[in-house]
Amino acid sequence: MKNLKSIALALVVVLSTLSVTAQTKKVDASKSIVNWVGKKVTGKHEGTVNLKDGKLIFKGKKLAGGTFNVDMTSLTATDLSGEYQGKLNGHLKSEDFFGTEKFPTATLIFKKVVAKTANVYTVTGDLTIKGKTNPITFDLATTKDTAATSLKIDRTKYDIKYGSGSFFDNLGDKAISDEFDLAVALKF
């Protein structure tokens, strides 16, 4: 009887020390989509930017972490064409906005993941744009082979102040919203 209790106790100790191994799911950058919308007093512009790479880390079936690199040089407006698209793309890539020559990559590193509902997580991470890192929190919905989120980013936290009514007076209808929207659809 004493041996049976010892074996049972040893089994409990061994089972309690086993942890669920992490599974990394690499994001398929070619099939994932990042859409952006930037608003101004007189309207808005929208476009895309490409992921370079990314991964989500799961423990069992629960999201536990993630990292992403965005190719800022791929930033393009999709609501314009020809000369006007070229001018806007050039301005967005300039130092006035994202400075893609000096800062070709933006990064997101998950720092904390909390389950909100089944397959929906509240993620807090460090977002780096133009060499500036700030915390950001958003909800991410996952399935077996996809993840999606919509979030707002305050560009002024990343030293992108061009046309911001928060920093410049008398902009009138030339003012540009401090926040831009991202809609992200990931496939892995």
N, C-alpha and C. Protein backbone atom coordinates (compact mmCIF):
# COMPACT_ATOMS: atom_id res chain seq x y z
N MET A 1 0.83 -1.19 0.00
CA MET A 1 0.00 0.00 0.00
C MET A 1 0.88 1.26 0.00
N LYS A 2 1.97 1.19 0.81
CA LYS A 2 2.87 2.32 0.89
C LYS A 2 3.53 2.56 -0.46
N ASN A 3 3.92 1.48 -1.16
CA ASN A 3 4.52 1.60 -2.49
C ASN A 3 3.53 2.19 -3.49
N LEU A 4 2.28 1.82 -3.41
CA LEU A 4 1.24 2.33 -4.30
C LEU A 4 1.07 3.85 -4.11
N LYS A 5 1.09 4.30 -2.85
CA LYS A 5 0.97 5.73 -2.57
C LYS A 5 2.20 6.47 -3.10
N SER A 6 3.38 5.87 -2.95
CA SER A 6 4.61 6.50 -3.45
C SER A 6 4.59 6.61 -4.97
N ILE A 7 4.14 5.57 -5.63
CA ILE A 7 4.05 5.58 -7.09
C ILE A 7 3.03 6.63 -7.55
N ALA A 8 1.89 6.68 -6.88
CA ALA A 8 0.87 7.67 -7.23
C ALA A 8 1.39 9.09 -7.04
N LEU A 9 2.09 9.31 -5.93
CA LEU A 9 2.65 10.63 -5.66
C LEU A 9 3.70 10.99 -6.72
N ALA A 10 4.55 10.06 -7.09
CA ALA A 10 5.57 10.29 -8.11
C ALA A 10 4.91 10.62 -9.46
N LEU A 11 3.84 9.90 -9.78
CA LEU A 11 3.11 10.14 -11.03
C LEU A 11 2.51 11.55 -11.05
N VAL A 12 1.93 11.98 -9.94
CA VAL A 12 1.37 13.33 -9.84
C VAL A 12 2.46 14.38 -10.03
N VAL A 13 3.61 14.18 -9.41
CA VAL A 13 4.72 15.13 -9.54
C VAL A 13 5.19 15.20 -10.99
N VAL A 14 5.37 14.06 -11.64
CA VAL A 14 5.83 14.02 -13.03
C VAL A 14 4.81 14.70 -13.94
N LEU A 15 3.54 14.40 -13.79
CA LEU A 15 2.51 14.99 -14.64
C LEU A 15 2.39 16.50 -14.42
N SER A 16 2.58 16.95 -13.21
CA SER A 16 2.46 18.39 -12.94
C SER A 16 3.64 19.18 -13.49
N THR A 17 4.77 18.53 -13.71
CA THR A 17 5.93 19.25 -14.24
C THR A 17 5.93 19.26 -15.77
N LEU A 18 5.13 18.41 -16.39
CA LEU A 18 5.05 18.44 -17.86
C LEU A 18 4.30 19.69 -18.28
N SER A 19 4.83 20.39 -19.25
CA SER A 19 4.13 21.58 -19.73
C SER A 19 3.75 21.36 -21.19
N VAL A 20 2.77 22.11 -21.61
CA VAL A 20 2.35 22.03 -22.99
C VAL A 20 3.43 22.71 -23.83
N THR A 21 3.90 22.02 -24.85
CA THR A 21 4.95 22.60 -25.67
C THR A 21 4.38 23.66 -26.60
N ALA A 22 5.19 24.64 -26.87
CA ALA A 22 4.76 25.74 -27.74
C ALA A 22 4.84 25.29 -29.19
N GLN A 23 3.88 25.76 -29.97
CA GLN A 23 3.85 25.50 -31.40
C GLN A 23 3.92 26.85 -32.12
N THR A 24 4.87 26.98 -33.01
CA THR A 24 5.01 28.21 -33.77
C THR A 24 4.35 28.05 -35.13
N LYS A 25 3.46 28.99 -35.45
CA LYS A 25 2.82 29.00 -36.76
C LYS A 25 3.36 30.18 -37.54
N LYS A 26 4.09 29.88 -38.61
CA LYS A 26 4.66 30.92 -39.44
C LYS A 26 3.57 31.51 -40.34
N VAL A 27 3.51 32.82 -40.38
CA VAL A 27 2.52 33.50 -41.20
C VAL A 27 2.97 33.46 -42.66
N ASP A 28 2.03 33.18 -43.55
CA ASP A 28 2.30 33.20 -44.98
C ASP A 28 2.14 34.65 -45.44
N ALA A 29 3.24 35.36 -45.56
CA ALA A 29 3.21 36.79 -45.89
C ALA A 29 2.56 37.04 -47.25
N SER A 30 2.71 36.13 -48.19
CA SER A 30 2.16 36.33 -49.53
C SER A 30 0.63 36.22 -49.55
N LYS A 31 0.05 35.56 -48.55
CA LYS A 31 -1.40 35.40 -48.51
C LYS A 31 -2.06 36.25 -47.42
N SER A 32 -1.26 36.96 -46.66
CA SER A 32 -1.77 37.82 -45.59
C SER A 32 -1.94 39.25 -46.12
N ILE A 33 -2.89 39.98 -45.54
CA ILE A 33 -3.21 41.31 -46.02
C ILE A 33 -3.20 42.31 -44.88
N VAL A 34 -2.55 43.46 -45.11
CA VAL A 34 -2.59 44.57 -44.17
C VAL A 34 -3.10 45.79 -44.95
N ASN A 35 -4.32 46.21 -44.65
CA ASN A 35 -4.91 47.39 -45.26
C ASN A 35 -4.83 48.56 -44.29
N TRP A 36 -4.60 49.76 -44.81
CA TRP A 36 -4.56 50.96 -43.97
C TRP A 36 -5.52 52.01 -44.51
N VAL A 37 -5.99 52.85 -43.60
CA VAL A 37 -6.81 54.01 -43.95
C VAL A 37 -6.29 55.19 -43.14
N GLY A 38 -5.97 56.27 -43.84
CA GLY A 38 -5.57 57.52 -43.20
C GLY A 38 -6.62 58.57 -43.54
N LYS A 39 -7.09 59.28 -42.52
CA LYS A 39 -8.17 60.24 -42.74
C LYS A 39 -7.66 61.67 -42.60
N LYS A 40 -8.31 62.54 -43.34
CA LYS A 40 -8.03 63.97 -43.27
C LYS A 40 -9.36 64.70 -43.28
N VAL A 41 -9.35 65.99 -43.04
CA VAL A 41 -10.58 66.76 -42.96
C VAL A 41 -11.40 66.62 -44.24
N THR A 42 -10.74 66.61 -45.38
CA THR A 42 -11.45 66.60 -46.66
C THR A 42 -11.66 65.20 -47.24
N GLY A 43 -11.35 64.17 -46.51
CA GLY A 43 -11.55 62.81 -47.03
C GLY A 43 -10.62 61.81 -46.39
N LYS A 44 -10.17 60.86 -47.19
CA LYS A 44 -9.30 59.81 -46.68
C LYS A 44 -8.52 59.20 -47.84
N HIS A 45 -7.48 58.47 -47.48
CA HIS A 45 -6.73 57.65 -48.43
C HIS A 45 -6.61 56.27 -47.82
N GLU A 46 -6.53 55.29 -48.70
CA GLU A 46 -6.39 53.91 -48.22
C GLU A 46 -5.41 53.17 -49.09
N GLY A 47 -4.88 52.09 -48.52
CA GLY A 47 -3.90 51.33 -49.25
C GLY A 47 -3.49 50.07 -48.52
N THR A 48 -2.33 49.57 -48.90
CA THR A 48 -1.81 48.33 -48.33
C THR A 48 -0.35 48.50 -47.95
N VAL A 49 0.11 47.61 -47.11
CA VAL A 49 1.52 47.46 -46.78
C VAL A 49 1.74 45.96 -46.56
N ASN A 50 2.90 45.46 -46.96
CA ASN A 50 3.14 44.01 -46.92
C ASN A 50 3.89 43.58 -45.67
N LEU A 51 3.55 42.39 -45.21
CA LEU A 51 4.34 41.74 -44.16
C LEU A 51 5.62 41.20 -44.79
N LYS A 52 6.73 41.32 -44.07
CA LYS A 52 7.95 40.64 -44.47
C LYS A 52 7.89 39.20 -43.96
N ASP A 53 7.54 39.09 -42.67
CA ASP A 53 7.43 37.79 -42.03
C ASP A 53 6.71 37.96 -40.70
N GLY A 54 6.33 36.85 -40.14
CA GLY A 54 5.66 36.88 -38.85
C GLY A 54 5.37 35.48 -38.36
N LYS A 55 5.09 35.40 -37.07
CA LYS A 55 4.73 34.10 -36.50
C LYS A 55 3.85 34.31 -35.28
N LEU A 56 2.99 33.36 -35.06
CA LEU A 56 2.18 33.30 -33.85
C LEU A 56 2.61 32.07 -33.08
N ILE A 57 2.66 32.19 -31.76
CA ILE A 57 3.06 31.08 -30.91
C ILE A 57 1.85 30.64 -30.10
N PHE A 58 1.56 29.35 -30.16
CA PHE A 58 0.44 28.77 -29.43
C PHE A 58 0.97 27.78 -28.42
N LYS A 59 0.34 27.73 -27.27
CA LYS A 59 0.58 26.66 -26.28
C LYS A 59 -0.72 25.89 -26.23
N GLY A 60 -0.67 24.67 -26.73
CA GLY A 60 -1.92 23.93 -26.91
C GLY A 60 -2.71 24.64 -27.99
N LYS A 61 -3.94 24.99 -27.69
CA LYS A 61 -4.77 25.71 -28.66
C LYS A 61 -4.87 27.19 -28.33
N LYS A 62 -4.10 27.66 -27.33
CA LYS A 62 -4.20 29.06 -26.89
C LYS A 62 -3.03 29.88 -27.40
N LEU A 63 -3.35 31.07 -27.88
CA LEU A 63 -2.33 31.99 -28.34
C LEU A 63 -1.47 32.43 -27.16
N ALA A 64 -0.14 32.42 -27.37
CA ALA A 64 0.77 32.77 -26.29
C ALA A 64 1.75 33.87 -26.67
N GLY A 65 1.94 34.13 -27.97
CA GLY A 65 2.90 35.15 -28.36
C GLY A 65 2.92 35.36 -29.86
N GLY A 66 3.75 36.27 -30.29
CA GLY A 66 3.87 36.53 -31.72
C GLY A 66 4.86 37.64 -32.00
N THR A 67 5.40 37.64 -33.22
CA THR A 67 6.27 38.70 -33.70
C THR A 67 6.01 38.92 -35.18
N PHE A 68 6.12 40.17 -35.61
CA PHE A 68 5.87 40.51 -37.00
C PHE A 68 6.83 41.59 -37.46
N ASN A 69 7.22 41.50 -38.73
CA ASN A 69 8.02 42.52 -39.40
C ASN A 69 7.25 42.96 -40.64
N VAL A 70 7.11 44.28 -40.78
CA VAL A 70 6.35 44.86 -41.89
C VAL A 70 7.31 45.58 -42.82
N ASP A 71 7.16 45.34 -44.11
CA ASP A 71 7.99 45.97 -45.14
C ASP A 71 7.41 47.35 -45.46
N MET A 72 7.91 48.38 -44.78
CA MET A 72 7.37 49.73 -44.96
C MET A 72 7.64 50.28 -46.35
N THR A 73 8.63 49.75 -47.06
CA THR A 73 8.90 50.22 -48.43
C THR A 73 7.81 49.79 -49.40
N SER A 74 6.97 48.82 -48.99
CA SER A 74 5.87 48.36 -49.85
C SER A 74 4.60 49.20 -49.68
N LEU A 75 4.63 50.18 -48.81
CA LEU A 75 3.49 51.05 -48.53
C LEU A 75 2.98 51.67 -49.83
N THR A 76 1.69 51.48 -50.12
CA THR A 76 1.14 52.04 -51.34
C THR A 76 -0.33 52.41 -51.15
N ALA A 77 -0.73 53.47 -51.80
CA ALA A 77 -2.14 53.88 -51.80
C ALA A 77 -2.86 53.09 -52.89
N THR A 78 -4.07 52.64 -52.58
CA THR A 78 -4.85 51.90 -53.57
C THR A 78 -6.06 52.68 -54.06
N ASP A 79 -6.29 53.85 -53.50
CA ASP A 79 -7.44 54.65 -53.91
C ASP A 79 -7.08 55.66 -55.00
N LEU A 80 -5.82 55.70 -55.39
CA LEU A 80 -5.36 56.58 -56.45
C LEU A 80 -4.60 55.76 -57.48
N SER A 81 -4.36 56.38 -58.64
CA SER A 81 -3.55 55.71 -59.65
C SER A 81 -2.69 56.77 -60.35
N GLY A 82 -1.75 56.27 -61.13
CA GLY A 82 -0.92 57.15 -61.94
C GLY A 82 -0.09 58.13 -61.13
N GLU A 83 -0.01 59.36 -61.63
CA GLU A 83 0.81 60.41 -61.05
C GLU A 83 0.42 60.71 -59.60
N TYR A 84 -0.89 60.76 -59.32
CA TYR A 84 -1.33 61.10 -57.96
C TYR A 84 -0.98 60.00 -56.97
N GLN A 85 -1.08 58.75 -57.38
CA GLN A 85 -0.65 57.65 -56.52
C GLN A 85 0.84 57.75 -56.25
N GLY A 86 1.62 58.00 -57.27
CA GLY A 86 3.07 58.12 -57.13
C GLY A 86 3.46 59.23 -56.17
N LYS A 87 2.77 60.38 -56.29
CA LYS A 87 3.07 61.50 -55.39
C LYS A 87 2.72 61.15 -53.94
N LEU A 88 1.55 60.55 -53.72
CA LEU A 88 1.17 60.20 -52.35
C LEU A 88 2.11 59.13 -51.79
N ASN A 89 2.40 58.10 -52.57
CA ASN A 89 3.32 57.06 -52.10
C ASN A 89 4.67 57.65 -51.73
N GLY A 90 5.17 58.54 -52.57
CA GLY A 90 6.46 59.18 -52.28
C GLY A 90 6.41 59.99 -51.01
N HIS A 91 5.30 60.72 -50.81
CA HIS A 91 5.19 61.54 -49.59
C HIS A 91 5.07 60.66 -48.35
N LEU A 92 4.30 59.58 -48.42
CA LEU A 92 4.15 58.67 -47.28
C LEU A 92 5.49 58.01 -46.91
N LYS A 93 6.33 57.77 -47.90
CA LYS A 93 7.63 57.13 -47.65
C LYS A 93 8.70 58.13 -47.23
N SER A 94 8.41 59.43 -47.36
CA SER A 94 9.38 60.47 -47.03
C SER A 94 9.49 60.65 -45.51
N GLU A 95 10.43 61.49 -45.11
CA GLU A 95 10.63 61.79 -43.69
C GLU A 95 9.40 62.45 -43.05
N ASP A 96 8.56 63.13 -43.85
CA ASP A 96 7.32 63.71 -43.31
C ASP A 96 6.46 62.65 -42.64
N PHE A 97 6.50 61.44 -43.19
CA PHE A 97 5.68 60.35 -42.66
C PHE A 97 6.57 59.20 -42.17
N PHE A 98 6.75 58.15 -42.94
CA PHE A 98 7.36 56.92 -42.42
C PHE A 98 8.87 56.79 -42.66
N GLY A 99 9.48 57.68 -43.42
CA GLY A 99 10.94 57.66 -43.61
C GLY A 99 11.47 56.29 -43.97
N THR A 100 10.90 55.67 -45.00
CA THR A 100 11.20 54.26 -45.28
C THR A 100 12.63 54.00 -45.75
N GLU A 101 13.30 55.02 -46.24
CA GLU A 101 14.70 54.81 -46.64
C GLU A 101 15.55 54.51 -45.40
N LYS A 102 15.31 55.25 -44.34
CA LYS A 102 16.06 55.06 -43.10
C LYS A 102 15.44 53.97 -42.22
N PHE A 103 14.11 53.82 -42.30
CA PHE A 103 13.39 52.86 -41.46
C PHE A 103 12.53 51.95 -42.34
N PRO A 104 13.15 50.99 -43.04
CA PRO A 104 12.40 50.15 -43.98
C PRO A 104 11.49 49.10 -43.35
N THR A 105 11.64 48.89 -42.04
CA THR A 105 10.87 47.84 -41.37
C THR A 105 10.22 48.37 -40.11
N ALA A 106 8.96 48.01 -39.91
CA ALA A 106 8.26 48.24 -38.64
C ALA A 106 8.10 46.87 -37.99
N THR A 107 8.10 46.83 -36.65
CA THR A 107 8.00 45.55 -35.96
C THR A 107 6.92 45.59 -34.88
N LEU A 108 6.36 44.43 -34.62
CA LEU A 108 5.42 44.24 -33.52
C LEU A 108 5.83 42.99 -32.78
N ILE A 109 6.01 43.13 -31.47
CA ILE A 109 6.37 41.99 -30.61
C ILE A 109 5.33 41.89 -29.51
N PHE A 110 4.65 40.75 -29.45
CA PHE A 110 3.65 40.54 -28.40
C PHE A 110 4.35 40.43 -27.05
N LYS A 111 3.83 41.13 -26.06
CA LYS A 111 4.38 41.08 -24.71
C LYS A 111 3.44 40.37 -23.74
N LYS A 112 2.13 40.50 -23.99
CA LYS A 112 1.14 39.89 -23.10
C LYS A 112 -0.07 39.48 -23.92
N VAL A 113 -0.56 38.28 -23.68
CA VAL A 113 -1.73 37.77 -24.39
C VAL A 113 -2.71 37.24 -23.35
N VAL A 114 -3.94 37.76 -23.38
CA VAL A 114 -4.96 37.34 -22.43
C VAL A 114 -6.19 36.88 -23.21
N ALA A 115 -6.68 35.68 -22.90
CA ALA A 115 -7.89 35.18 -23.56
C ALA A 115 -9.07 36.06 -23.17
N LYS A 116 -9.81 36.51 -24.16
CA LYS A 116 -10.99 37.35 -23.94
C LYS A 116 -12.26 36.50 -24.03
N THR A 117 -12.37 35.76 -25.12
CA THR A 117 -13.44 34.77 -25.33
C THR A 117 -12.80 33.62 -26.10
N ALA A 118 -13.60 32.65 -26.47
CA ALA A 118 -13.04 31.53 -27.23
C ALA A 118 -12.42 32.05 -28.53
N ASN A 119 -11.13 31.83 -28.70
CA ASN A 119 -10.37 32.20 -29.89
C ASN A 119 -10.24 33.71 -30.14
N VAL A 120 -10.53 34.53 -29.13
CA VAL A 120 -10.30 35.97 -29.22
C VAL A 120 -9.41 36.36 -28.04
N TYR A 121 -8.34 37.08 -28.35
CA TYR A 121 -7.34 37.42 -27.34
C TYR A 121 -7.11 38.93 -27.32
N THR A 122 -6.86 39.46 -26.14
CA THR A 122 -6.41 40.83 -26.01
C THR A 122 -4.89 40.79 -25.95
N VAL A 123 -4.26 41.43 -26.92
CA VAL A 123 -2.81 41.41 -27.07
C VAL A 123 -2.25 42.78 -26.72
N THR A 124 -1.22 42.79 -25.89
CA THR A 124 -0.45 44.01 -25.64
C THR A 124 0.94 43.73 -26.17
N GLY A 125 1.42 44.65 -27.00
CA GLY A 125 2.73 44.44 -27.59
C GLY A 125 3.49 45.73 -27.74
N ASP A 126 4.72 45.61 -28.19
CA ASP A 126 5.56 46.76 -28.49
C ASP A 126 5.59 46.94 -30.00
N LEU A 127 5.12 48.09 -30.46
CA LEU A 127 5.11 48.43 -31.88
C LEU A 127 6.23 49.44 -32.13
N THR A 128 7.08 49.14 -33.10
CA THR A 128 8.17 50.04 -33.45
C THR A 128 7.97 50.53 -34.88
N ILE A 129 7.87 51.86 -35.02
CA ILE A 129 7.77 52.53 -36.31
C ILE A 129 8.75 53.69 -36.27
N LYS A 130 9.52 53.87 -37.33
CA LYS A 130 10.52 54.95 -37.42
C LYS A 130 11.48 54.94 -36.22
N GLY A 131 11.81 53.76 -35.73
CA GLY A 131 12.76 53.64 -34.63
C GLY A 131 12.20 53.97 -33.26
N LYS A 132 10.92 54.29 -33.19
CA LYS A 132 10.26 54.62 -31.91
C LYS A 132 9.37 53.44 -31.52
N THR A 133 9.47 53.03 -30.25
CA THR A 133 8.70 51.90 -29.76
C THR A 133 7.70 52.38 -28.72
N ASN A 134 6.45 51.95 -28.90
CA ASN A 134 5.37 52.28 -27.96
C ASN A 134 4.50 51.06 -27.75
N PRO A 135 3.89 50.95 -26.55
CA PRO A 135 2.97 49.84 -26.32
C PRO A 135 1.67 50.06 -27.10
N ILE A 136 1.06 48.96 -27.50
CA ILE A 136 -0.23 49.00 -28.19
C ILE A 136 -1.04 47.80 -27.74
N THR A 137 -2.35 47.99 -27.62
CA THR A 137 -3.24 46.90 -27.20
C THR A 137 -4.36 46.77 -28.22
N PHE A 138 -4.68 45.53 -28.58
CA PHE A 138 -5.73 45.26 -29.57
C PHE A 138 -6.25 43.84 -29.37
N ASP A 139 -7.41 43.57 -29.95
CA ASP A 139 -7.98 42.22 -29.91
C ASP A 139 -7.62 41.48 -31.19
N LEU A 140 -7.30 40.21 -31.07
CA LEU A 140 -6.94 39.37 -32.20
C LEU A 140 -7.80 38.11 -32.17
N ALA A 141 -8.51 37.86 -33.26
CA ALA A 141 -9.35 36.66 -33.38
C ALA A 141 -8.58 35.62 -34.19
N THR A 142 -8.60 34.36 -33.73
CA THR A 142 -7.85 33.30 -34.41
C THR A 142 -8.77 32.14 -34.78
N THR A 143 -8.36 31.44 -35.84
CA THR A 143 -8.95 30.16 -36.20
C THR A 143 -7.78 29.20 -36.37
N LYS A 144 -8.05 28.04 -36.90
CA LYS A 144 -6.99 27.05 -37.08
C LYS A 144 -5.86 27.56 -37.98
N ASP A 145 -6.21 28.33 -39.02
CA ASP A 145 -5.18 28.78 -39.96
C ASP A 145 -5.27 30.26 -40.34
N THR A 146 -5.98 31.06 -39.52
CA THR A 146 -6.06 32.50 -39.77
C THR A 146 -6.06 33.28 -38.45
N ALA A 147 -5.80 34.56 -38.57
CA ALA A 147 -5.93 35.50 -37.45
C ALA A 147 -6.29 36.84 -38.05
N ALA A 148 -7.09 37.63 -37.32
CA ALA A 148 -7.52 38.92 -37.84
C ALA A 148 -7.68 39.94 -36.72
N THR A 149 -7.43 41.19 -37.06
CA THR A 149 -7.61 42.28 -36.11
C THR A 149 -7.85 43.58 -36.87
N SER A 150 -8.44 44.53 -36.19
CA SER A 150 -8.55 45.91 -36.66
C SER A 150 -8.05 46.77 -35.51
N LEU A 151 -7.21 47.75 -35.83
CA LEU A 151 -6.69 48.59 -34.76
C LEU A 151 -6.41 49.99 -35.26
N LYS A 152 -6.31 50.91 -34.31
CA LYS A 152 -5.97 52.30 -34.59
C LYS A 152 -4.59 52.57 -34.01
N ILE A 153 -3.79 53.31 -34.77
CA ILE A 153 -2.44 53.66 -34.33
C ILE A 153 -2.30 55.17 -34.37
N ASP A 154 -1.85 55.74 -33.27
CA ASP A 154 -1.60 57.17 -33.19
C ASP A 154 -0.21 57.44 -33.76
N ARG A 155 -0.17 57.97 -34.97
CA ARG A 155 1.10 58.18 -35.67
C ARG A 155 2.02 59.17 -34.97
N THR A 156 1.45 60.09 -34.19
CA THR A 156 2.28 61.11 -33.54
C THR A 156 3.19 60.50 -32.47
N LYS A 157 2.83 59.32 -31.95
CA LYS A 157 3.68 58.65 -30.97
C LYS A 157 4.97 58.12 -31.61
N TYR A 158 4.98 58.10 -32.95
CA TYR A 158 6.13 57.60 -33.70
C TYR A 158 6.82 58.74 -34.46
N ASP A 159 6.62 59.96 -33.96
CA ASP A 159 7.24 61.15 -34.53
C ASP A 159 6.79 61.41 -35.97
N ILE A 160 5.54 61.09 -36.26
CA ILE A 160 4.95 61.38 -37.57
C ILE A 160 3.91 62.46 -37.32
N LYS A 161 4.35 63.70 -37.41
CA LYS A 161 3.50 64.83 -37.01
C LYS A 161 3.00 65.67 -38.18
N TYR A 162 3.41 65.36 -39.38
CA TYR A 162 3.04 66.15 -40.55
C TYR A 162 1.52 66.33 -40.61
N GLY A 163 1.07 67.58 -40.72
CA GLY A 163 -0.35 67.88 -40.88
C GLY A 163 -1.21 67.60 -39.66
N SER A 164 -0.59 67.39 -38.51
CA SER A 164 -1.34 67.08 -37.29
C SER A 164 -1.85 68.35 -36.62
N GLY A 165 -3.15 68.43 -36.42
CA GLY A 165 -3.75 69.55 -35.71
C GLY A 165 -3.34 69.58 -34.24
N SER A 166 -2.80 68.50 -33.73
CA SER A 166 -2.33 68.45 -32.35
C SER A 166 -1.00 69.20 -32.18
N PHE A 167 -0.29 69.42 -33.29
CA PHE A 167 1.02 70.04 -33.23
C PHE A 167 1.13 71.35 -34.02
N PHE A 168 0.22 71.54 -34.99
CA PHE A 168 0.30 72.72 -35.84
C PHE A 168 -1.04 73.46 -35.85
N ASP A 169 -0.97 74.79 -35.80
CA ASP A 169 -2.17 75.63 -35.83
C ASP A 169 -2.51 76.01 -37.28
N ASN A 170 -3.73 76.43 -37.46
CA ASN A 170 -4.20 77.00 -38.72
C ASN A 170 -4.05 76.08 -39.92
N LEU A 171 -4.24 74.78 -39.72
CA LEU A 171 -4.17 73.84 -40.84
C LEU A 171 -5.47 73.83 -41.65
N GLY A 172 -6.57 74.23 -41.02
CA GLY A 172 -7.85 74.24 -41.71
C GLY A 172 -8.18 72.89 -42.31
N ASP A 173 -8.54 72.89 -43.59
CA ASP A 173 -8.93 71.63 -44.22
C ASP A 173 -7.72 70.80 -44.69
N LYS A 174 -6.52 71.22 -44.31
CA LYS A 174 -5.30 70.45 -44.61
C LYS A 174 -4.92 69.51 -43.46
N ALA A 175 -5.68 69.57 -42.35
CA ALA A 175 -5.36 68.74 -41.18
C ALA A 175 -5.56 67.26 -41.49
N ILE A 176 -4.64 66.46 -40.96
CA ILE A 176 -4.68 65.00 -41.12
C ILE A 176 -4.86 64.39 -39.74
N SER A 177 -5.73 63.40 -39.63
CA SER A 177 -5.98 62.73 -38.36
C SER A 177 -4.70 62.15 -37.78
N ASP A 178 -4.57 62.23 -36.46
CA ASP A 178 -3.41 61.64 -35.80
C ASP A 178 -3.43 60.11 -35.87
N GLU A 179 -4.60 59.53 -35.96
CA GLU A 179 -4.72 58.07 -35.99
C GLU A 179 -4.92 57.56 -37.41
N PHE A 180 -4.33 56.41 -37.67
CA PHE A 180 -4.66 55.69 -38.90
C PHE A 180 -5.14 54.30 -38.50
N ASP A 181 -5.96 53.71 -39.37
CA ASP A 181 -6.58 52.41 -39.10
C ASP A 181 -5.85 51.31 -39.87
N LEU A 182 -5.72 50.17 -39.23
CA LEU A 182 -5.20 48.97 -39.89
C LEU A 182 -6.24 47.86 -39.78
N ALA A 183 -6.42 47.14 -40.87
CA ALA A 183 -7.22 45.92 -40.88
C ALA A 183 -6.28 44.81 -41.35
N VAL A 184 -6.06 43.83 -40.49
CA VAL A 184 -5.06 42.80 -40.74
C VAL A 184 -5.73 41.43 -40.84
N ALA A 185 -5.44 40.72 -41.92
CA ALA A 185 -5.93 39.35 -42.11
C ALA A 185 -4.72 38.46 -42.37
N LEU A 186 -4.40 37.60 -41.41
CA LEU A 186 -3.22 36.73 -41.49
C LEU A 186 -3.62 35.32 -41.87
N LYS A 187 -2.77 34.69 -42.67
CA LYS A 187 -2.95 33.26 -43.00
C LYS A 187 -1.64 32.55 -42.68
N PHE A 188 -1.79 31.34 -42.12
CA PHE A 188 -0.59 30.53 -41.84
C PHE A 188 -0.83 29.10 -42.23
